[in-house]
């Protein structure tokens, strides 16, 4: 598990590949070090895209990809790990 002392009490994002099991835990913003939160944006054609967004408004990134597909997202309570 990645450790971020600024956000040790908060939930962490877990992105997991449904095909191979590769995972990413604890994405943080490079500008303010806040833990990114999972969200969705709606494209002009009406489809939704998963994103990891800075809660402080610094920006967002598209959800990570693995095996040619978007990784699915869940959250885990970092205090229990």
Foldseek 3Di string as FASTA:
>chain_A
DDDDPVPQQDKWKWFAAPPPGDIDIFDADPPPRATWDWDWDADPVGDIFIWTHHPVHPGIGGADDDPRGHTDIDIDGNVVD
